[in-house]
């Protein structure tokens, strides 16, 4: 299992963050997505080692007009 923390520049509502969590969870090889309670900009994503991840997640977020950045891997 691998974990990456992604910071999203935009401020999202709780509803939008939960919707985003479900969309990421629907991606192949994603095992879990946690929404940080202390910072509404952070997502912690747990995934199986696979070529293309976590880049595929960043691509998906960018396609939604968001500006993500990996803060820890």
C-alpha atoms as a PDB file:
ATOM      1  CA  UNK A   1       0.000   0.000   0.000  1.00  0.00           C
ATOM      2  CA  UNK A   2       1.171   3.516  -0.793  1.00  0.00           C
ATOM      3  CA  UNK A   3      -0.091   6.793   0.579  1.00  0.00           C
ATOM      4  CA  UNK A   4       0.084  10.277  -0.859  1.00  0.00           C
ATOM      5  CA  UNK A   5      -1.200  13.571   0.506  1.00  0.00           C
ATOM      6  CA  UNK A   6      -2.582  15.951  -2.086  1.00  0.00           C
ATOM      7  CA  UNK A   7      -3.120  19.651  -1.421  1.00  0.00           C
ATOM      8  CA  UNK A   8      -5.847  21.375  -3.449  1.00  0.00           C
ATOM      9  CA  UNK A   9      -5.476  25.147  -3.803  1.00  0.00           C
ATOM     10  CA  UNK A  10      -9.196  25.800  -4.094  1.00  0.00           C
ATOM     11  CA  UNK A  11     -11.486  25.985  -1.088  1.00  0.00           C
ATOM     12  CA  UNK A  12     -14.166  23.335  -1.459  1.00  0.00           C
ATOM     13  CA  UNK A  13     -17.350  22.952   0.512  1.00  0.00           C
ATOM     14  CA  UNK A  14     -17.799  19.852   2.638  1.00  0.00           C
ATOM     15  CA  UNK A  15     -20.293  18.545   0.098  1.00  0.00           C
ATOM     16  CA  UNK A  16     -17.838  19.060  -2.784  1.00  0.00           C
ATOM     17  CA  UNK A  17     -15.025  17.383  -0.830  1.00  0.00           C
ATOM     18  CA  UNK A  18     -17.195  14.335  -0.111  1.00  0.00           C
ATOM     19  CA  UNK A  19     -18.237  14.161  -3.775  1.00  0.00           C
ATOM     20  CA  UNK A  20     -14.576  14.375  -4.798  1.00  0.00           C
ATOM     21  CA  UNK A  21     -13.693  11.617  -2.340  1.00  0.00           C
ATOM     22  CA  UNK A  22     -16.264   9.296  -3.942  1.00  0.00           C
ATOM     23  CA  UNK A  23     -15.001  10.110  -7.435  1.00  0.00           C
ATOM     24  CA  UNK A  24     -11.418   9.296  -6.455  1.00  0.00           C
ATOM     25  CA  UNK A  25     -12.538   6.106  -4.679  1.00  0.00           C
ATOM     26  CA  UNK A  26     -14.146   4.971  -7.947  1.00  0.00           C
ATOM     27  CA  UNK A  27     -10.754   5.031  -9.687  1.00  0.00           C
ATOM     28  CA  UNK A  28      -8.926   1.715 -10.164  1.00  0.00           C
ATOM     29  CA  UNK A  29      -6.323   0.768  -7.522  1.00  0.00           C
ATOM     30  CA  UNK A  30      -7.535   3.383  -5.002  1.00  0.00           C
ATOM     31  CA  UNK A  31      -8.165   1.815  -1.584  1.00  0.00           C
ATOM     32  CA  UNK A  32      -9.103   4.783   0.587  1.00  0.00           C
ATOM     33  CA  UNK A  33      -9.413   8.568   0.591  1.00  0.00           C
ATOM     34  CA  UNK A  34      -9.366  10.500   3.845  1.00  0.00           C
ATOM     35  CA  UNK A  35     -10.432  14.116   4.172  1.00  0.00           C
ATOM     36  CA  UNK A  36      -8.253  15.995   6.642  1.00  0.00           C
ATOM     37  CA  UNK A  37     -10.240  17.516   9.472  1.00  0.00           C
ATOM     38  CA  UNK A  38      -7.633  20.125  10.322  1.00  0.00           C
ATOM     39  CA  UNK A  39      -7.151  21.380   6.755  1.00  0.00           C
ATOM     40  CA  UNK A  40      -9.941  21.437   4.187  1.00  0.00           C
ATOM     41  CA  UNK A  41      -7.388  21.515   1.373  1.00  0.00           C
ATOM     42  CA  UNK A  42      -5.718  18.145   2.105  1.00  0.00           C
ATOM     43  CA  UNK A  43      -6.684  14.691   0.851  1.00  0.00           C
ATOM     44  CA  UNK A  44      -4.816  11.577   1.931  1.00  0.00           C
ATOM     45  CA  UNK A  45      -5.063   8.878  -0.719  1.00  0.00           C
ATOM     46  CA  UNK A  46      -4.132   5.244  -0.143  1.00  0.00           C
ATOM     47  CA  UNK A  47      -3.516   3.221  -3.282  1.00  0.00           C
ATOM     48  CA  UNK A  48      -2.002   0.014  -4.580  1.00  0.00           C
ATOM     49  CA  UNK A  49       1.372   0.260  -6.279  1.00  0.00           C
ATOM     50  CA  UNK A  50       0.549   0.640  -9.951  1.00  0.00           C
ATOM     51  CA  UNK A  51       2.040   2.425 -12.908  1.00  0.00           C
ATOM     52  CA  UNK A  52       0.296   5.738 -13.408  1.00  0.00           C
ATOM     53  CA  UNK A  53      -0.606   6.390  -9.801  1.00  0.00           C
ATOM     54  CA  UNK A  54      -0.689   8.929  -8.250  1.00  0.00           C
ATOM     55  CA  UNK A  55      -0.305  10.861 -11.533  1.00  0.00           C
ATOM     56  CA  UNK A  56      -3.724   9.618 -12.719  1.00  0.00           C
ATOM     57  CA  UNK A  57      -5.345  11.163  -9.660  1.00  0.00           C
ATOM     58  CA  UNK A  58      -3.669  14.506 -10.324  1.00  0.00           C
ATOM     59  CA  UNK A  59      -4.791  14.385 -13.958  1.00  0.00           C
ATOM     60  CA  UNK A  60      -8.376  13.715 -12.896  1.00  0.00           C
ATOM     61  CA  UNK A  61      -8.314  16.586 -10.401  1.00  0.00           C
ATOM     62  CA  UNK A  62      -6.867  18.965 -13.005  1.00  0.00           C
ATOM     63  CA  UNK A  63      -9.572  17.927 -15.494  1.00  0.00           C
ATOM     64  CA  UNK A  64     -12.087  19.245 -12.944  1.00  0.00           C
ATOM     65  CA  UNK A  65     -10.381  22.636 -12.934  1.00  0.00           C
ATOM     66  CA  UNK A  66      -8.631  22.080  -9.613  1.00  0.00           C
ATOM     67  CA  UNK A  67      -4.988  22.849  -8.875  1.00  0.00           C
ATOM     68  CA  UNK A  68      -3.575  19.886  -6.918  1.00  0.00           C
ATOM     69  CA  UNK A  69      -0.059  19.426  -5.604  1.00  0.00           C
ATOM     70  CA  UNK A  70       1.518  16.414  -3.889  1.00  0.00           C
ATOM     71  CA  UNK A  71       2.723  17.478  -0.448  1.00  0.00           C
ATOM     72  CA  UNK A  72       3.934  14.080   0.759  1.00  0.00           C
ATOM     73  CA  UNK A  73       4.428  10.673  -0.736  1.00  0.00           C
END
